[in-house]
Amino acid sequence: MERMRDGDVLVVRLADGEDFFEGLKQALKAEGVHAGVVLGAVGMLKEPAIGFYRGGGKYETLPVKGEVEICALAGNVAVVEGDVFLHLHVTMGTSSGAALAGHMTGGRVHMTAEIAVHILHKPMTRVPDSKTGLKTLTFE
C-alpha cells in the first residue's frame, strides 16, 4: 500500500493481492482519518463480493467469480465502536462487458487499485437504528 495526501485529499494505491478493505483502512488510520467521503476508485478486484440489503440487519451476498474492473466506487468513512468503518457501493465490469453493482462487502486487489478520499474534519459515527436494522450515520 502506498498513499499520498494533498490537503484534504488522500490517494491510496493498493497492490496486487492486498485485501481492499483492510488496505484502505490501514491507510486511513495511518493518516488519522476518521471521517470522509470516498470520491472514487479505479483498478481491478479478484473474487469480490457485493451485497443487497434485505432488512433486519441482513444482507444477501453475491460472490463474484474471477476478476473485475472497478468502474465506480462511492461511499464514506465513519467510526463504529471506536474503529474506522467503510460503507462502500461499487459498480464492477466483467470481461464480457457486463456490469455488477451493490454494497461492497469484500475483495482482493488484482494488479492495482487507486482510491481517492476527501477527508472531513467533523466526526461521523454509525450507531444502530432499530427501525432499519442498519448502523446509520450520526453527526456531532
N, C-alpha and C. Protein backbone atom coordinates (compact mmCIF):
# COMPACT_ATOMS: atom_id res chain seq x y z
N MET A 1 0.84 -1.17 0.00
CA MET A 1 0.00 0.00 0.00
C MET A 1 0.89 1.24 0.00
N GLU A 2 0.52 2.18 -0.85
CA GLU A 2 1.17 3.48 -0.87
C GLU A 2 0.09 4.54 -0.74
N ARG A 3 0.48 5.70 -0.24
CA ARG A 3 -0.50 6.77 -0.08
C ARG A 3 0.16 8.12 -0.27
N MET A 4 -0.67 9.09 -0.66
CA MET A 4 -0.22 10.47 -0.84
C MET A 4 -1.38 11.37 -0.40
N ARG A 5 -1.04 12.33 0.44
CA ARG A 5 -2.05 13.27 0.92
C ARG A 5 -1.69 14.66 0.44
N ASP A 6 -2.70 15.34 -0.10
CA ASP A 6 -2.55 16.73 -0.53
C ASP A 6 -3.73 17.49 0.06
N GLY A 7 -3.48 18.20 1.15
CA GLY A 7 -4.57 18.90 1.83
C GLY A 7 -5.59 17.92 2.37
N ASP A 8 -6.83 18.07 1.91
CA ASP A 8 -7.91 17.20 2.39
C ASP A 8 -8.22 16.04 1.44
N VAL A 9 -7.30 15.75 0.54
CA VAL A 9 -7.49 14.60 -0.36
C VAL A 9 -6.40 13.58 -0.10
N LEU A 10 -6.83 12.35 0.11
CA LEU A 10 -5.92 11.23 0.30
C LEU A 10 -6.09 10.28 -0.88
N VAL A 11 -4.98 9.95 -1.54
CA VAL A 11 -5.00 8.97 -2.63
C VAL A 11 -4.21 7.76 -2.16
N VAL A 12 -4.82 6.59 -2.29
CA VAL A 12 -4.23 5.34 -1.84
C VAL A 12 -4.10 4.40 -3.02
N ARG A 13 -2.92 3.77 -3.14
CA ARG A 13 -2.73 2.74 -4.16
C ARG A 13 -2.48 1.43 -3.44
N LEU A 14 -3.37 0.47 -3.71
CA LEU A 14 -3.23 -0.87 -3.15
C LEU A 14 -2.62 -1.78 -4.21
N ALA A 15 -1.80 -2.71 -3.76
CA ALA A 15 -1.07 -3.60 -4.67
C ALA A 15 -1.78 -4.93 -4.84
N ASP A 16 -1.36 -5.64 -5.86
CA ASP A 16 -1.89 -6.97 -6.19
C ASP A 16 -1.92 -7.87 -4.96
N GLY A 17 -3.07 -8.46 -4.70
CA GLY A 17 -3.22 -9.41 -3.60
C GLY A 17 -3.65 -8.81 -2.28
N GLU A 18 -3.57 -7.48 -2.14
CA GLU A 18 -3.97 -6.87 -0.87
C GLU A 18 -5.48 -6.95 -0.68
N ASP A 19 -5.91 -7.12 0.56
CA ASP A 19 -7.32 -7.05 0.90
C ASP A 19 -7.75 -5.59 0.74
N PHE A 20 -8.78 -5.35 -0.06
CA PHE A 20 -9.19 -3.98 -0.38
C PHE A 20 -9.58 -3.21 0.88
N PHE A 21 -10.46 -3.79 1.71
CA PHE A 21 -10.95 -3.09 2.89
C PHE A 21 -9.83 -2.86 3.90
N GLU A 22 -9.06 -3.89 4.19
CA GLU A 22 -8.01 -3.76 5.20
C GLU A 22 -6.92 -2.79 4.75
N GLY A 23 -6.53 -2.85 3.48
CA GLY A 23 -5.52 -1.93 2.98
C GLY A 23 -5.96 -0.48 3.05
N LEU A 24 -7.21 -0.22 2.65
CA LEU A 24 -7.73 1.15 2.70
C LEU A 24 -7.86 1.62 4.16
N LYS A 25 -8.35 0.75 5.03
CA LYS A 25 -8.47 1.11 6.44
C LYS A 25 -7.11 1.43 7.05
N GLN A 26 -6.09 0.66 6.73
CA GLN A 26 -4.74 0.92 7.24
C GLN A 26 -4.25 2.30 6.81
N ALA A 27 -4.47 2.64 5.55
CA ALA A 27 -4.05 3.95 5.04
C ALA A 27 -4.79 5.07 5.77
N LEU A 28 -6.09 4.91 5.97
CA LEU A 28 -6.88 5.93 6.67
C LEU A 28 -6.40 6.10 8.11
N LYS A 29 -6.17 5.00 8.79
CA LYS A 29 -5.69 5.06 10.17
C LYS A 29 -4.31 5.71 10.24
N ALA A 30 -3.43 5.37 9.31
CA ALA A 30 -2.08 5.95 9.29
C ALA A 30 -2.12 7.46 9.12
N GLU A 31 -3.14 7.96 8.42
CA GLU A 31 -3.29 9.40 8.20
C GLU A 31 -4.19 10.06 9.24
N GLY A 32 -4.69 9.28 10.20
CA GLY A 32 -5.56 9.83 11.24
C GLY A 32 -6.93 10.23 10.74
N VAL A 33 -7.40 9.59 9.67
CA VAL A 33 -8.70 9.93 9.08
C VAL A 33 -9.80 9.11 9.74
N HIS A 34 -10.81 9.81 10.28
CA HIS A 34 -11.94 9.15 10.92
C HIS A 34 -13.27 9.50 10.27
N ALA A 35 -13.23 10.41 9.30
CA ALA A 35 -14.45 10.80 8.58
C ALA A 35 -14.05 11.25 7.19
N GLY A 36 -14.83 10.81 6.20
CA GLY A 36 -14.51 11.21 4.84
C GLY A 36 -15.53 10.73 3.85
N VAL A 37 -15.36 11.20 2.62
CA VAL A 37 -16.22 10.80 1.51
C VAL A 37 -15.32 10.14 0.47
N VAL A 38 -15.67 8.93 0.08
CA VAL A 38 -14.91 8.23 -0.95
C VAL A 38 -15.33 8.82 -2.29
N LEU A 39 -14.36 9.42 -2.97
CA LEU A 39 -14.64 10.11 -4.22
C LEU A 39 -14.72 9.16 -5.40
N GLY A 40 -13.98 8.07 -5.33
CA GLY A 40 -14.00 7.10 -6.42
C GLY A 40 -12.77 6.22 -6.38
N ALA A 41 -12.72 5.30 -7.34
CA ALA A 41 -11.59 4.38 -7.45
C ALA A 41 -11.52 3.83 -8.86
N VAL A 42 -10.32 3.40 -9.23
CA VAL A 42 -10.10 2.66 -10.46
C VAL A 42 -9.18 1.51 -10.12
N GLY A 43 -9.19 0.49 -10.95
CA GLY A 43 -8.34 -0.67 -10.71
C GLY A 43 -9.12 -1.94 -10.93
N MET A 44 -8.60 -3.00 -10.34
CA MET A 44 -9.24 -4.31 -10.52
C MET A 44 -9.34 -5.05 -9.19
N LEU A 45 -10.31 -5.94 -9.12
CA LEU A 45 -10.52 -6.80 -7.96
C LEU A 45 -10.61 -8.25 -8.43
N LYS A 46 -10.23 -9.17 -7.54
CA LYS A 46 -10.48 -10.58 -7.81
C LYS A 46 -11.33 -11.14 -6.68
N GLU A 47 -12.27 -11.98 -7.07
CA GLU A 47 -13.19 -12.62 -6.12
C GLU A 47 -13.87 -11.61 -5.20
N PRO A 48 -14.38 -10.50 -5.75
CA PRO A 48 -15.07 -9.55 -4.88
C PRO A 48 -16.44 -10.09 -4.46
N ALA A 49 -17.03 -9.42 -3.50
CA ALA A 49 -18.38 -9.78 -3.08
C ALA A 49 -19.19 -8.49 -2.95
N ILE A 50 -20.44 -8.57 -3.37
CA ILE A 50 -21.35 -7.45 -3.22
C ILE A 50 -22.60 -7.93 -2.50
N GLY A 51 -23.29 -7.01 -1.88
CA GLY A 51 -24.47 -7.38 -1.13
C GLY A 51 -25.65 -6.50 -1.46
N PHE A 52 -26.81 -7.00 -1.10
CA PHE A 52 -28.06 -6.26 -1.25
C PHE A 52 -28.77 -6.34 0.09
N TYR A 53 -29.13 -5.19 0.67
CA TYR A 53 -29.74 -5.17 1.99
C TYR A 53 -31.18 -5.64 1.93
N ARG A 54 -31.51 -6.63 2.75
CA ARG A 54 -32.86 -7.20 2.78
C ARG A 54 -33.66 -6.75 4.00
N GLY A 55 -33.04 -5.96 4.89
CA GLY A 55 -33.73 -5.51 6.09
C GLY A 55 -33.38 -6.38 7.28
N GLY A 56 -33.71 -5.86 8.47
CA GLY A 56 -33.47 -6.62 9.69
C GLY A 56 -32.01 -6.92 9.96
N GLY A 57 -31.12 -6.11 9.41
CA GLY A 57 -29.69 -6.35 9.62
C GLY A 57 -29.09 -7.41 8.72
N LYS A 58 -29.85 -7.88 7.73
CA LYS A 58 -29.40 -8.98 6.88
C LYS A 58 -29.10 -8.51 5.45
N TYR A 59 -27.92 -8.93 4.97
CA TYR A 59 -27.53 -8.69 3.59
C TYR A 59 -27.54 -10.01 2.84
N GLU A 60 -28.01 -9.95 1.61
CA GLU A 60 -27.87 -11.09 0.70
C GLU A 60 -26.56 -10.85 -0.04
N THR A 61 -25.62 -11.78 0.08
CA THR A 61 -24.29 -11.59 -0.50
C THR A 61 -24.15 -12.38 -1.79
N LEU A 62 -23.56 -11.71 -2.79
CA LEU A 62 -23.31 -12.32 -4.08
C LEU A 62 -21.80 -12.36 -4.31
N PRO A 63 -21.18 -13.55 -4.17
CA PRO A 63 -19.76 -13.63 -4.51
C PRO A 63 -19.60 -13.56 -6.02
N VAL A 64 -18.54 -12.91 -6.48
CA VAL A 64 -18.30 -12.75 -7.91
C VAL A 64 -17.06 -13.55 -8.28
N LYS A 65 -17.16 -14.38 -9.28
CA LYS A 65 -16.03 -15.22 -9.71
C LYS A 65 -15.07 -14.43 -10.59
N GLY A 66 -13.78 -14.70 -10.44
CA GLY A 66 -12.78 -14.13 -11.32
C GLY A 66 -12.45 -12.69 -11.03
N GLU A 67 -11.96 -12.01 -12.05
CA GLU A 67 -11.51 -10.63 -11.92
C GLU A 67 -12.51 -9.66 -12.55
N VAL A 68 -12.57 -8.46 -11.97
CA VAL A 68 -13.45 -7.41 -12.49
C VAL A 68 -12.71 -6.08 -12.44
N GLU A 69 -13.13 -5.16 -13.31
CA GLU A 69 -12.65 -3.78 -13.28
C GLU A 69 -13.54 -2.97 -12.34
N ILE A 70 -12.94 -2.10 -11.55
CA ILE A 70 -13.73 -1.16 -10.74
C ILE A 70 -14.12 -0.02 -11.67
N CYS A 71 -15.41 0.12 -11.93
CA CYS A 71 -15.89 1.18 -12.82
C CYS A 71 -16.33 2.41 -12.04
N ALA A 72 -16.82 2.20 -10.84
CA ALA A 72 -17.24 3.31 -9.98
C ALA A 72 -17.23 2.83 -8.54
N LEU A 73 -16.87 3.71 -7.63
CA LEU A 73 -16.89 3.42 -6.20
C LEU A 73 -17.30 4.69 -5.48
N ALA A 74 -18.25 4.57 -4.58
CA ALA A 74 -18.71 5.71 -3.79
C ALA A 74 -18.97 5.22 -2.38
N GLY A 75 -18.87 6.13 -1.43
CA GLY A 75 -19.15 5.74 -0.06
C GLY A 75 -18.62 6.75 0.92
N ASN A 76 -18.48 6.29 2.17
CA ASN A 76 -17.98 7.19 3.19
C ASN A 76 -17.17 6.44 4.23
N VAL A 77 -16.47 7.23 5.03
CA VAL A 77 -15.65 6.75 6.13
C VAL A 77 -16.25 7.32 7.40
N ALA A 78 -16.49 6.46 8.38
CA ALA A 78 -17.02 6.90 9.67
C ALA A 78 -16.39 6.03 10.75
N VAL A 79 -16.88 6.14 11.96
CA VAL A 79 -16.38 5.34 13.08
C VAL A 79 -17.53 4.52 13.64
N VAL A 80 -17.25 3.25 13.89
CA VAL A 80 -18.18 2.36 14.57
C VAL A 80 -17.44 1.74 15.74
N GLU A 81 -17.96 1.96 16.94
CA GLU A 81 -17.37 1.40 18.15
C GLU A 81 -15.87 1.67 18.22
N GLY A 82 -15.47 2.89 17.88
CA GLY A 82 -14.09 3.31 18.00
C GLY A 82 -13.16 2.92 16.87
N ASP A 83 -13.67 2.22 15.85
CA ASP A 83 -12.83 1.78 14.74
C ASP A 83 -13.31 2.40 13.42
N VAL A 84 -12.37 2.61 12.50
CA VAL A 84 -12.72 3.13 11.18
C VAL A 84 -13.62 2.13 10.47
N PHE A 85 -14.69 2.66 9.86
CA PHE A 85 -15.68 1.82 9.17
C PHE A 85 -15.90 2.37 7.76
N LEU A 86 -15.86 1.49 6.78
CA LEU A 86 -16.08 1.87 5.39
C LEU A 86 -17.46 1.41 4.92
N HIS A 87 -18.23 2.32 4.37
CA HIS A 87 -19.51 1.98 3.73
C HIS A 87 -19.33 2.30 2.26
N LEU A 88 -19.23 1.24 1.43
CA LEU A 88 -18.90 1.41 0.02
C LEU A 88 -19.91 0.74 -0.89
N HIS A 89 -20.22 1.42 -1.99
CA HIS A 89 -21.02 0.84 -3.06
C HIS A 89 -20.17 0.87 -4.32
N VAL A 90 -20.25 -0.21 -5.09
CA VAL A 90 -19.34 -0.38 -6.23
C VAL A 90 -20.11 -0.80 -7.47
N THR A 91 -19.64 -0.34 -8.61
CA THR A 91 -20.06 -0.89 -9.90
C THR A 91 -18.81 -1.50 -10.52
N MET A 92 -18.93 -2.76 -10.94
CA MET A 92 -17.80 -3.50 -11.48
C MET A 92 -18.13 -4.01 -12.87
N GLY A 93 -17.13 -4.05 -13.73
CA GLY A 93 -17.30 -4.57 -15.07
C GLY A 93 -16.59 -5.90 -15.23
N THR A 94 -17.28 -6.85 -15.86
CA THR A 94 -16.69 -8.17 -16.11
C THR A 94 -15.98 -8.18 -17.46
N SER A 95 -15.27 -9.25 -17.74
CA SER A 95 -14.55 -9.36 -19.01
C SER A 95 -15.50 -9.43 -20.20
N SER A 96 -16.76 -9.77 -19.97
CA SER A 96 -17.74 -9.82 -21.05
C SER A 96 -18.40 -8.46 -21.26
N GLY A 97 -18.09 -7.50 -20.40
CA GLY A 97 -18.70 -6.18 -20.53
C GLY A 97 -19.93 -5.99 -19.67
N ALA A 98 -20.33 -7.02 -18.93
CA ALA A 98 -21.48 -6.90 -18.04
C ALA A 98 -21.10 -6.08 -16.81
N ALA A 99 -22.07 -5.41 -16.24
CA ALA A 99 -21.84 -4.63 -15.03
C ALA A 99 -22.57 -5.26 -13.85
N LEU A 100 -21.92 -5.25 -12.71
CA LEU A 100 -22.49 -5.72 -11.45
C LEU A 100 -22.37 -4.58 -10.46
N ALA A 101 -23.36 -4.42 -9.61
CA ALA A 101 -23.30 -3.31 -8.66
C ALA A 101 -23.96 -3.69 -7.36
N GLY A 102 -23.52 -3.06 -6.28
CA GLY A 102 -24.13 -3.28 -4.98
C GLY A 102 -23.25 -2.78 -3.86
N HIS A 103 -23.63 -3.15 -2.65
CA HIS A 103 -22.90 -2.81 -1.44
C HIS A 103 -21.64 -3.70 -1.41
N MET A 104 -20.47 -3.08 -1.44
CA MET A 104 -19.23 -3.85 -1.48
C MET A 104 -18.96 -4.47 -0.12
N THR A 105 -18.76 -5.78 -0.12
CA THR A 105 -18.53 -6.48 1.14
C THR A 105 -17.16 -7.15 1.21
N GLY A 106 -16.39 -7.15 0.12
CA GLY A 106 -15.06 -7.75 0.19
C GLY A 106 -14.41 -7.82 -1.16
N GLY A 107 -13.15 -8.22 -1.14
CA GLY A 107 -12.40 -8.41 -2.37
C GLY A 107 -10.92 -8.16 -2.18
N ARG A 108 -10.16 -8.79 -3.03
CA ARG A 108 -8.71 -8.60 -3.06
C ARG A 108 -8.36 -7.82 -4.32
N VAL A 109 -7.31 -7.06 -4.23
CA VAL A 109 -6.87 -6.28 -5.37
C VAL A 109 -6.25 -7.22 -6.40
N HIS A 110 -6.61 -6.99 -7.66
CA HIS A 110 -5.98 -7.69 -8.79
C HIS A 110 -5.16 -6.64 -9.53
N MET A 111 -3.88 -6.77 -9.52
CA MET A 111 -2.90 -5.85 -10.11
C MET A 111 -2.78 -4.56 -9.32
N THR A 112 -3.79 -3.69 -9.35
CA THR A 112 -3.71 -2.43 -8.60
C THR A 112 -5.11 -1.88 -8.36
N ALA A 113 -5.22 -1.03 -7.36
CA ALA A 113 -6.45 -0.27 -7.11
C ALA A 113 -6.04 1.08 -6.57
N GLU A 114 -6.65 2.13 -7.10
CA GLU A 114 -6.33 3.50 -6.71
C GLU A 114 -7.61 4.17 -6.22
N ILE A 115 -7.58 4.64 -4.99
CA ILE A 115 -8.77 5.15 -4.33
C ILE A 115 -8.51 6.58 -3.87
N ALA A 116 -9.49 7.47 -4.07
CA ALA A 116 -9.40 8.86 -3.61
C ALA A 116 -10.46 9.10 -2.54
N VAL A 117 -10.02 9.73 -1.44
CA VAL A 117 -10.92 10.03 -0.32
C VAL A 117 -10.79 11.51 0.04
N HIS A 118 -11.93 12.18 0.15
CA HIS A 118 -11.95 13.56 0.64
C HIS A 118 -12.10 13.48 2.16
N ILE A 119 -11.15 14.05 2.87
CA ILE A 119 -11.12 13.98 4.33
C ILE A 119 -12.02 15.06 4.92
N LEU A 120 -12.85 14.66 5.88
CA LEU A 120 -13.71 15.59 6.61
C LEU A 120 -13.13 15.80 8.01
N HIS A 121 -13.38 16.97 8.58
CA HIS A 121 -12.80 17.30 9.87
C HIS A 121 -13.83 17.35 11.00
N LYS A 122 -15.04 16.96 10.71
CA LYS A 122 -16.06 16.85 11.75
C LYS A 122 -16.41 15.37 11.87
N PRO A 123 -16.64 14.89 13.09
CA PRO A 123 -16.86 13.46 13.30
C PRO A 123 -18.15 12.93 12.67
N MET A 124 -18.04 11.73 12.14
CA MET A 124 -19.21 10.97 11.71
C MET A 124 -19.08 9.60 12.38
N THR A 125 -20.16 9.17 12.98
CA THR A 125 -20.19 7.85 13.60
C THR A 125 -21.41 7.10 13.10
N ARG A 126 -21.38 5.81 13.28
CA ARG A 126 -22.53 4.98 12.93
C ARG A 126 -23.04 4.31 14.19
N VAL A 127 -24.35 4.38 14.37
CA VAL A 127 -24.99 3.78 15.54
C VAL A 127 -26.17 2.94 15.06
N PRO A 128 -26.51 1.88 15.81
CA PRO A 128 -27.64 1.03 15.41
C PRO A 128 -28.95 1.81 15.37
N ASP A 129 -29.70 1.57 14.30
CA ASP A 129 -31.02 2.16 14.12
C ASP A 129 -32.04 1.02 14.19
N SER A 130 -32.85 1.03 15.23
CA SER A 130 -33.80 -0.08 15.44
C SER A 130 -34.85 -0.17 14.33
N LYS A 131 -35.15 0.94 13.68
CA LYS A 131 -36.16 0.95 12.63
C LYS A 131 -35.70 0.21 11.37
N THR A 132 -34.44 0.45 10.96
CA THR A 132 -33.93 -0.14 9.71
C THR A 132 -33.06 -1.37 9.92
N GLY A 133 -32.51 -1.52 11.13
CA GLY A 133 -31.57 -2.61 11.38
C GLY A 133 -30.17 -2.28 10.92
N LEU A 134 -29.97 -1.07 10.42
CA LEU A 134 -28.66 -0.63 9.93
C LEU A 134 -27.94 0.18 11.00
N LYS A 135 -26.63 0.32 10.82
CA LYS A 135 -25.86 1.29 11.59
C LYS A 135 -25.84 2.56 10.75
N THR A 136 -26.62 3.55 11.16
CA THR A 136 -26.77 4.75 10.36
C THR A 136 -25.85 5.87 10.85
N LEU A 137 -25.54 6.79 9.94
CA LEU A 137 -24.65 7.91 10.26
C LEU A 137 -25.29 8.86 11.26
N THR A 138 -24.45 9.32 12.18
CA THR A 138 -24.85 10.40 13.07
C THR A 138 -23.73 11.44 13.02
N PHE A 139 -24.09 12.66 13.29
CA PHE A 139 -23.15 13.78 13.20
C PHE A 139 -23.12 14.51 14.53
N GLU A 140 -21.94 14.97 14.91
CA GLU A 140 -21.79 15.72 16.16
C GLU A 140 -21.70 17.20 15.88
